[in-house]
Amino acid sequence: MATPPPLPPAFVYQINTRDEWAELQGTGETLGGDLDCSTGCFHLSGLGQVKMTLKNYFRRQNDLYLLQVNTAKIADGLIYEAADGCNYFPHFYGPDRSFAPLQLSVVVKADKIELANNDFTWSLLDGAAI
């Protein structure tokens, strides 16, 4: 008998610039940044992947926000895809891969990511360094 796939975590995380976060708050939805628009999906991270994503794609940026996204609210458009041989990252395509805008209503929390001495910290999880 086949083992069913594991349930997705309760939350995934999106890293936004200040402007992207302001757009989402102002309009209630967003199509994300340039990478999201060019690939037709929102690039997300699991909690254990946020540090790697920040270090690989957001070095020296200090205008970032970490959004905690409720996976139950985006489940029909959430797909985990291999980034390399061993890391699978969550991507949100929207229902039927329609690249629907990400809605503010799916965001549970948002926190400013602080950059000091080339280290990122956040308060979302009690100020844990990531």
N, C-alpha and C. Protein backbone atom coordinates (compact mmCIF):
# COMPACT_ATOMS: atom_id res chain seq x y z
N MET A 1 0.84 -1.18 0.00
CA MET A 1 0.00 0.00 0.00
C MET A 1 0.89 1.24 0.00
N ALA A 2 0.56 2.19 -0.85
CA ALA A 2 1.35 3.41 -0.98
C ALA A 2 1.13 4.32 0.22
N THR A 3 2.19 4.99 0.60
CA THR A 3 2.11 5.96 1.69
C THR A 3 1.59 7.27 1.12
N PRO A 4 0.58 7.84 1.76
CA PRO A 4 0.08 9.13 1.25
C PRO A 4 1.14 10.21 1.43
N PRO A 5 1.13 11.21 0.56
CA PRO A 5 2.11 12.30 0.72
C PRO A 5 1.88 13.02 2.03
N PRO A 6 2.93 13.58 2.61
CA PRO A 6 2.76 14.31 3.87
C PRO A 6 1.89 15.55 3.67
N LEU A 7 1.21 15.93 4.71
CA LEU A 7 0.41 17.14 4.66
C LEU A 7 1.34 18.34 4.59
N PRO A 8 0.93 19.37 3.85
CA PRO A 8 1.78 20.56 3.81
C PRO A 8 1.79 21.22 5.18
N PRO A 9 2.82 21.99 5.47
CA PRO A 9 2.85 22.71 6.75
C PRO A 9 1.71 23.72 6.79
N ALA A 10 1.41 24.20 7.96
CA ALA A 10 0.33 25.18 8.12
C ALA A 10 0.67 26.50 7.45
N PHE A 11 1.97 26.81 7.35
CA PHE A 11 2.39 28.10 6.79
C PHE A 11 3.56 27.93 5.84
N VAL A 12 3.60 28.81 4.85
CA VAL A 12 4.78 29.01 4.01
C VAL A 12 5.09 30.50 4.09
N TYR A 13 6.23 30.90 3.56
CA TYR A 13 6.70 32.26 3.76
C TYR A 13 7.08 32.90 2.43
N GLN A 14 6.70 34.16 2.30
CA GLN A 14 7.09 34.92 1.13
C GLN A 14 7.90 36.13 1.58
N ILE A 15 8.98 36.38 0.88
CA ILE A 15 9.82 37.55 1.14
C ILE A 15 9.40 38.63 0.16
N ASN A 16 9.00 39.77 0.68
CA ASN A 16 8.56 40.90 -0.13
C ASN A 16 9.46 42.10 0.09
N THR A 17 9.59 42.92 -0.94
CA THR A 17 10.22 44.22 -0.75
C THR A 17 9.19 45.15 -0.09
N ARG A 18 9.64 46.27 0.37
CA ARG A 18 8.75 47.26 0.97
C ARG A 18 7.64 47.65 -0.01
N ASP A 19 8.00 47.86 -1.28
CA ASP A 19 7.01 48.26 -2.29
C ASP A 19 5.99 47.16 -2.55
N GLU A 20 6.44 45.92 -2.62
CA GLU A 20 5.51 44.80 -2.83
C GLU A 20 4.54 44.66 -1.67
N TRP A 21 5.05 44.81 -0.44
CA TRP A 21 4.21 44.71 0.74
C TRP A 21 3.22 45.87 0.78
N ALA A 22 3.65 47.07 0.40
CA ALA A 22 2.76 48.23 0.37
C ALA A 22 1.65 48.03 -0.67
N GLU A 23 2.00 47.47 -1.82
CA GLU A 23 0.98 47.19 -2.85
C GLU A 23 -0.05 46.20 -2.33
N LEU A 24 0.42 45.14 -1.69
CA LEU A 24 -0.50 44.13 -1.16
C LEU A 24 -1.43 44.72 -0.12
N GLN A 25 -0.90 45.56 0.77
CA GLN A 25 -1.73 46.19 1.79
C GLN A 25 -2.71 47.20 1.18
N GLY A 26 -2.24 47.93 0.17
CA GLY A 26 -3.06 48.98 -0.42
C GLY A 26 -4.18 48.49 -1.32
N THR A 27 -3.91 47.44 -2.09
CA THR A 27 -4.90 46.96 -3.05
C THR A 27 -5.58 45.67 -2.62
N GLY A 28 -5.00 44.99 -1.63
CA GLY A 28 -5.57 43.72 -1.18
C GLY A 28 -5.11 42.52 -1.98
N GLU A 29 -4.26 42.77 -2.99
CA GLU A 29 -3.72 41.67 -3.78
C GLU A 29 -2.46 42.13 -4.50
N THR A 30 -1.69 41.16 -4.98
CA THR A 30 -0.46 41.49 -5.71
C THR A 30 -0.13 40.37 -6.68
N LEU A 31 0.59 40.72 -7.73
CA LEU A 31 1.15 39.73 -8.64
C LEU A 31 2.63 39.50 -8.33
N GLY A 32 3.09 40.07 -7.22
CA GLY A 32 4.45 39.83 -6.75
C GLY A 32 5.49 40.67 -7.46
N GLY A 33 6.72 40.21 -7.33
CA GLY A 33 7.85 40.92 -7.93
C GLY A 33 8.13 40.45 -9.34
N ASP A 34 9.23 40.94 -9.90
CA ASP A 34 9.60 40.61 -11.28
C ASP A 34 9.74 39.11 -11.51
N LEU A 35 10.39 38.41 -10.58
CA LEU A 35 10.58 36.97 -10.75
C LEU A 35 9.24 36.24 -10.77
N ASP A 36 8.34 36.62 -9.86
CA ASP A 36 7.02 35.99 -9.80
C ASP A 36 6.27 36.21 -11.12
N CYS A 37 6.26 37.44 -11.59
CA CYS A 37 5.54 37.77 -12.84
C CYS A 37 6.14 37.05 -14.04
N SER A 38 7.46 36.97 -14.10
CA SER A 38 8.11 36.36 -15.27
C SER A 38 7.96 34.84 -15.30
N THR A 39 7.77 34.21 -14.14
CA THR A 39 7.64 32.75 -14.10
C THR A 39 6.20 32.28 -13.93
N GLY A 40 5.28 33.20 -13.64
CA GLY A 40 3.88 32.83 -13.52
C GLY A 40 3.54 32.12 -12.23
N CYS A 41 4.34 32.34 -11.19
CA CYS A 41 4.04 31.76 -9.88
C CYS A 41 4.74 32.57 -8.80
N PHE A 42 4.22 32.44 -7.59
CA PHE A 42 4.84 33.09 -6.43
C PHE A 42 5.85 32.14 -5.84
N HIS A 43 7.05 32.63 -5.63
CA HIS A 43 8.13 31.84 -5.06
C HIS A 43 8.07 31.98 -3.54
N LEU A 44 7.87 30.87 -2.87
CA LEU A 44 7.70 30.83 -1.42
C LEU A 44 8.79 29.98 -0.82
N SER A 45 8.85 29.96 0.50
CA SER A 45 9.83 29.13 1.21
C SER A 45 9.14 28.48 2.40
N GLY A 46 9.62 27.30 2.74
CA GLY A 46 9.26 26.71 4.02
C GLY A 46 10.04 27.43 5.10
N LEU A 47 9.65 27.28 6.34
CA LEU A 47 10.32 27.98 7.43
C LEU A 47 11.83 27.70 7.44
N GLY A 48 12.21 26.46 7.25
CA GLY A 48 13.63 26.11 7.25
C GLY A 48 14.38 26.56 6.01
N GLN A 49 13.67 27.09 5.02
CA GLN A 49 14.31 27.54 3.78
C GLN A 49 14.48 29.06 3.70
N VAL A 50 13.85 29.79 4.61
CA VAL A 50 13.89 31.25 4.55
C VAL A 50 15.32 31.78 4.60
N LYS A 51 16.12 31.25 5.49
CA LYS A 51 17.51 31.71 5.63
C LYS A 51 18.28 31.53 4.32
N MET A 52 18.14 30.37 3.70
CA MET A 52 18.83 30.09 2.44
C MET A 52 18.34 31.03 1.34
N THR A 53 17.05 31.26 1.28
CA THR A 53 16.48 32.14 0.26
C THR A 53 17.00 33.57 0.43
N LEU A 54 17.00 34.06 1.66
CA LEU A 54 17.51 35.41 1.92
C LEU A 54 18.97 35.54 1.51
N LYS A 55 19.78 34.58 1.90
CA LYS A 55 21.21 34.64 1.60
C LYS A 55 21.50 34.51 0.10
N ASN A 56 20.69 33.72 -0.60
CA ASN A 56 20.95 33.49 -2.02
C ASN A 56 20.36 34.57 -2.94
N TYR A 57 19.27 35.20 -2.53
CA TYR A 57 18.58 36.11 -3.45
C TYR A 57 18.38 37.54 -2.94
N PHE A 58 18.65 37.79 -1.68
CA PHE A 58 18.35 39.10 -1.12
C PHE A 58 19.52 39.70 -0.34
N ARG A 59 20.72 39.35 -0.70
CA ARG A 59 21.90 39.87 0.01
C ARG A 59 21.90 41.39 0.04
N ARG A 60 22.23 41.91 1.20
CA ARG A 60 22.42 43.35 1.43
C ARG A 60 21.16 44.18 1.23
N GLN A 61 20.00 43.56 1.09
CA GLN A 61 18.76 44.33 0.99
C GLN A 61 18.20 44.56 2.38
N ASN A 62 17.77 45.78 2.64
CA ASN A 62 17.25 46.08 3.97
C ASN A 62 15.83 46.61 3.93
N ASP A 63 15.13 46.39 2.81
CA ASP A 63 13.75 46.84 2.69
C ASP A 63 12.80 45.64 2.56
N LEU A 64 13.06 44.60 3.32
CA LEU A 64 12.33 43.34 3.15
C LEU A 64 11.34 43.07 4.27
N TYR A 65 10.30 42.35 3.90
CA TYR A 65 9.27 41.89 4.85
C TYR A 65 9.05 40.41 4.65
N LEU A 66 8.83 39.71 5.74
CA LEU A 66 8.54 38.29 5.70
C LEU A 66 7.06 38.10 5.97
N LEU A 67 6.37 37.47 5.02
CA LEU A 67 4.94 37.24 5.13
C LEU A 67 4.70 35.77 5.44
N GLN A 68 3.92 35.53 6.46
CA GLN A 68 3.51 34.18 6.83
C GLN A 68 2.18 33.92 6.14
N VAL A 69 2.14 32.92 5.26
CA VAL A 69 0.98 32.64 4.43
C VAL A 69 0.33 31.34 4.88
N ASN A 70 -0.98 31.37 5.07
CA ASN A 70 -1.76 30.21 5.49
C ASN A 70 -1.91 29.26 4.30
N THR A 71 -1.32 28.07 4.37
CA THR A 71 -1.37 27.15 3.24
C THR A 71 -2.78 26.61 2.97
N ALA A 72 -3.62 26.53 3.98
CA ALA A 72 -4.99 26.06 3.77
C ALA A 72 -5.75 26.99 2.83
N LYS A 73 -5.40 28.27 2.83
CA LYS A 73 -6.11 29.24 2.00
C LYS A 73 -5.60 29.29 0.56
N ILE A 74 -4.45 28.67 0.30
CA ILE A 74 -3.91 28.66 -1.07
C ILE A 74 -3.69 27.24 -1.57
N ALA A 75 -4.25 26.26 -0.88
CA ALA A 75 -3.96 24.85 -1.13
C ALA A 75 -4.19 24.43 -2.57
N ASP A 76 -5.24 24.92 -3.22
CA ASP A 76 -5.51 24.45 -4.58
C ASP A 76 -4.54 25.01 -5.61
N GLY A 77 -3.69 25.93 -5.24
CA GLY A 77 -2.70 26.45 -6.17
C GLY A 77 -1.28 26.29 -5.71
N LEU A 78 -1.08 25.55 -4.59
CA LEU A 78 0.26 25.38 -4.01
C LEU A 78 0.88 24.08 -4.50
N ILE A 79 2.08 24.20 -5.07
CA ILE A 79 2.79 23.05 -5.61
C ILE A 79 4.23 23.11 -5.10
N TYR A 80 4.75 21.95 -4.68
CA TYR A 80 6.16 21.86 -4.27
C TYR A 80 6.96 21.36 -5.46
N GLU A 81 8.02 22.11 -5.80
CA GLU A 81 8.84 21.76 -6.95
C GLU A 81 10.31 21.72 -6.57
N ALA A 82 11.04 20.83 -7.23
CA ALA A 82 12.46 20.67 -6.95
C ALA A 82 13.23 21.89 -7.47
N ALA A 83 14.04 22.44 -6.60
CA ALA A 83 14.92 23.54 -7.00
C ALA A 83 16.28 22.99 -7.40
N ASP A 84 16.63 21.88 -6.81
CA ASP A 84 17.86 21.15 -7.14
C ASP A 84 17.60 19.70 -6.78
N GLY A 85 18.61 18.92 -6.61
CA GLY A 85 18.42 17.50 -6.34
C GLY A 85 17.78 17.15 -5.02
N CYS A 86 17.79 18.06 -4.05
CA CYS A 86 17.29 17.70 -2.72
C CYS A 86 16.39 18.73 -2.06
N ASN A 87 16.21 19.89 -2.65
CA ASN A 87 15.38 20.93 -2.03
C ASN A 87 14.12 21.16 -2.85
N TYR A 88 12.98 21.00 -2.19
CA TYR A 88 11.69 21.27 -2.81
C TYR A 88 11.12 22.54 -2.20
N PHE A 89 10.76 23.48 -3.05
CA PHE A 89 10.23 24.76 -2.58
C PHE A 89 8.77 24.89 -2.97
N PRO A 90 7.98 25.54 -2.10
CA PRO A 90 6.58 25.77 -2.44
C PRO A 90 6.45 26.92 -3.44
N HIS A 91 5.56 26.73 -4.39
CA HIS A 91 5.23 27.76 -5.36
C HIS A 91 3.71 27.88 -5.42
N PHE A 92 3.22 29.09 -5.48
CA PHE A 92 1.78 29.31 -5.61
C PHE A 92 1.48 29.78 -7.02
N TYR A 93 0.74 28.96 -7.75
CA TYR A 93 0.37 29.26 -9.13
C TYR A 93 -1.03 29.85 -9.23
N GLY A 94 -1.85 29.63 -8.23
CA GLY A 94 -3.26 29.98 -8.32
C GLY A 94 -4.04 28.78 -8.78
N PRO A 95 -5.36 28.83 -8.61
CA PRO A 95 -6.20 27.70 -9.05
C PRO A 95 -5.99 27.40 -10.53
N ASP A 96 -5.88 26.14 -10.86
CA ASP A 96 -5.69 25.70 -12.25
C ASP A 96 -4.50 26.36 -12.94
N ARG A 97 -3.47 26.69 -12.14
CA ARG A 97 -2.26 27.33 -12.66
C ARG A 97 -2.57 28.61 -13.43
N SER A 98 -3.51 29.36 -12.91
CA SER A 98 -3.97 30.57 -13.59
C SER A 98 -3.15 31.80 -13.26
N PHE A 99 -2.15 31.69 -12.40
CA PHE A 99 -1.37 32.81 -11.88
C PHE A 99 -2.29 33.90 -11.36
N ALA A 100 -3.12 33.50 -10.44
CA ALA A 100 -4.03 34.44 -9.78
C ALA A 100 -3.24 35.29 -8.80
N PRO A 101 -3.69 36.52 -8.58
CA PRO A 101 -3.01 37.36 -7.60
C PRO A 101 -3.05 36.74 -6.20
N LEU A 102 -2.01 36.99 -5.45
CA LEU A 102 -1.98 36.58 -4.05
C LEU A 102 -2.81 37.60 -3.26
N GLN A 103 -3.72 37.12 -2.45
CA GLN A 103 -4.64 37.97 -1.71
C GLN A 103 -4.10 38.29 -0.32
N LEU A 104 -4.35 39.49 0.14
CA LEU A 104 -3.94 39.88 1.49
C LEU A 104 -4.57 38.98 2.54
N SER A 105 -5.75 38.45 2.27
CA SER A 105 -6.47 37.62 3.24
C SER A 105 -5.75 36.31 3.56
N VAL A 106 -4.77 35.89 2.76
CA VAL A 106 -4.04 34.65 3.04
C VAL A 106 -2.83 34.89 3.95
N VAL A 107 -2.49 36.17 4.16
CA VAL A 107 -1.34 36.53 4.99
C VAL A 107 -1.76 36.58 6.45
N VAL A 108 -1.14 35.75 7.27
CA VAL A 108 -1.45 35.68 8.69
C VAL A 108 -0.70 36.75 9.46
N LYS A 109 0.58 36.91 9.16
CA LYS A 109 1.44 37.88 9.83
C LYS A 109 2.46 38.41 8.82
N ALA A 110 2.97 39.58 9.10
CA ALA A 110 4.06 40.14 8.31
C ALA A 110 4.99 40.88 9.24
N ASP A 111 6.27 40.72 9.04
CA ASP A 111 7.27 41.39 9.86
C ASP A 111 8.39 41.93 9.01
N LYS A 112 8.93 43.04 9.44
CA LYS A 112 10.10 43.62 8.80
C LYS A 112 11.29 42.73 9.09
N ILE A 113 12.07 42.46 8.06
CA ILE A 113 13.31 41.71 8.22
C ILE A 113 14.42 42.73 8.40
N GLU A 114 15.16 42.60 9.47
CA GLU A 114 16.25 43.53 9.77
C GLU A 114 17.56 42.95 9.27
N LEU A 115 18.38 43.81 8.71
CA LEU A 115 19.70 43.42 8.24
C LEU A 115 20.74 44.22 9.01
N ALA A 116 21.59 43.52 9.74
CA ALA A 116 22.68 44.15 10.50
C ALA A 116 23.88 43.22 10.48
N ASN A 117 25.04 43.76 10.14
CA ASN A 117 26.28 42.98 10.09
C ASN A 117 26.14 41.75 9.19
N ASN A 118 25.46 41.94 8.06
CA ASN A 118 25.23 40.88 7.07
C ASN A 118 24.42 39.70 7.61
N ASP A 119 23.68 39.91 8.69
CA ASP A 119 22.80 38.88 9.23
C ASP A 119 21.36 39.39 9.20
N PHE A 120 20.44 38.50 8.85
CA PHE A 120 19.03 38.83 8.83
C PHE A 120 18.39 38.39 10.14
N THR A 121 17.50 39.20 10.68
CA THR A 121 16.71 38.81 11.85
C THR A 121 15.27 39.25 11.60
N TRP A 122 14.38 38.65 12.33
CA TRP A 122 12.96 38.97 12.22
C TRP A 122 12.31 38.79 13.56
N SER A 123 11.14 39.34 13.75
CA SER A 123 10.44 39.18 15.03
C SER A 123 9.27 38.22 14.92
N LEU A 124 8.98 37.72 13.74
CA LEU A 124 7.84 36.82 13.53
C LEU A 124 7.86 35.64 14.48
N LEU A 125 9.04 35.12 14.71
CA LEU A 125 9.18 33.98 15.62
C LEU A 125 10.02 34.38 16.83
N ASP A 126 9.53 35.35 17.55
CA ASP A 126 10.18 35.83 18.79
C ASP A 126 11.59 36.33 18.54
N GLY A 127 11.81 36.99 17.42
CA GLY A 127 13.10 37.61 17.16
C GLY A 127 14.20 36.63 16.81
N ALA A 128 13.84 35.44 16.39
CA ALA A 128 14.85 34.45 16.06
C ALA A 128 15.70 34.92 14.89
N ALA A 129 16.99 34.75 14.98
CA ALA A 129 17.87 35.06 13.86
C ALA A 129 17.70 33.97 12.81
N ILE A 130 17.68 34.38 11.57
CA ILE A 130 17.54 33.39 10.51
C ILE A 130 18.73 33.43 9.59
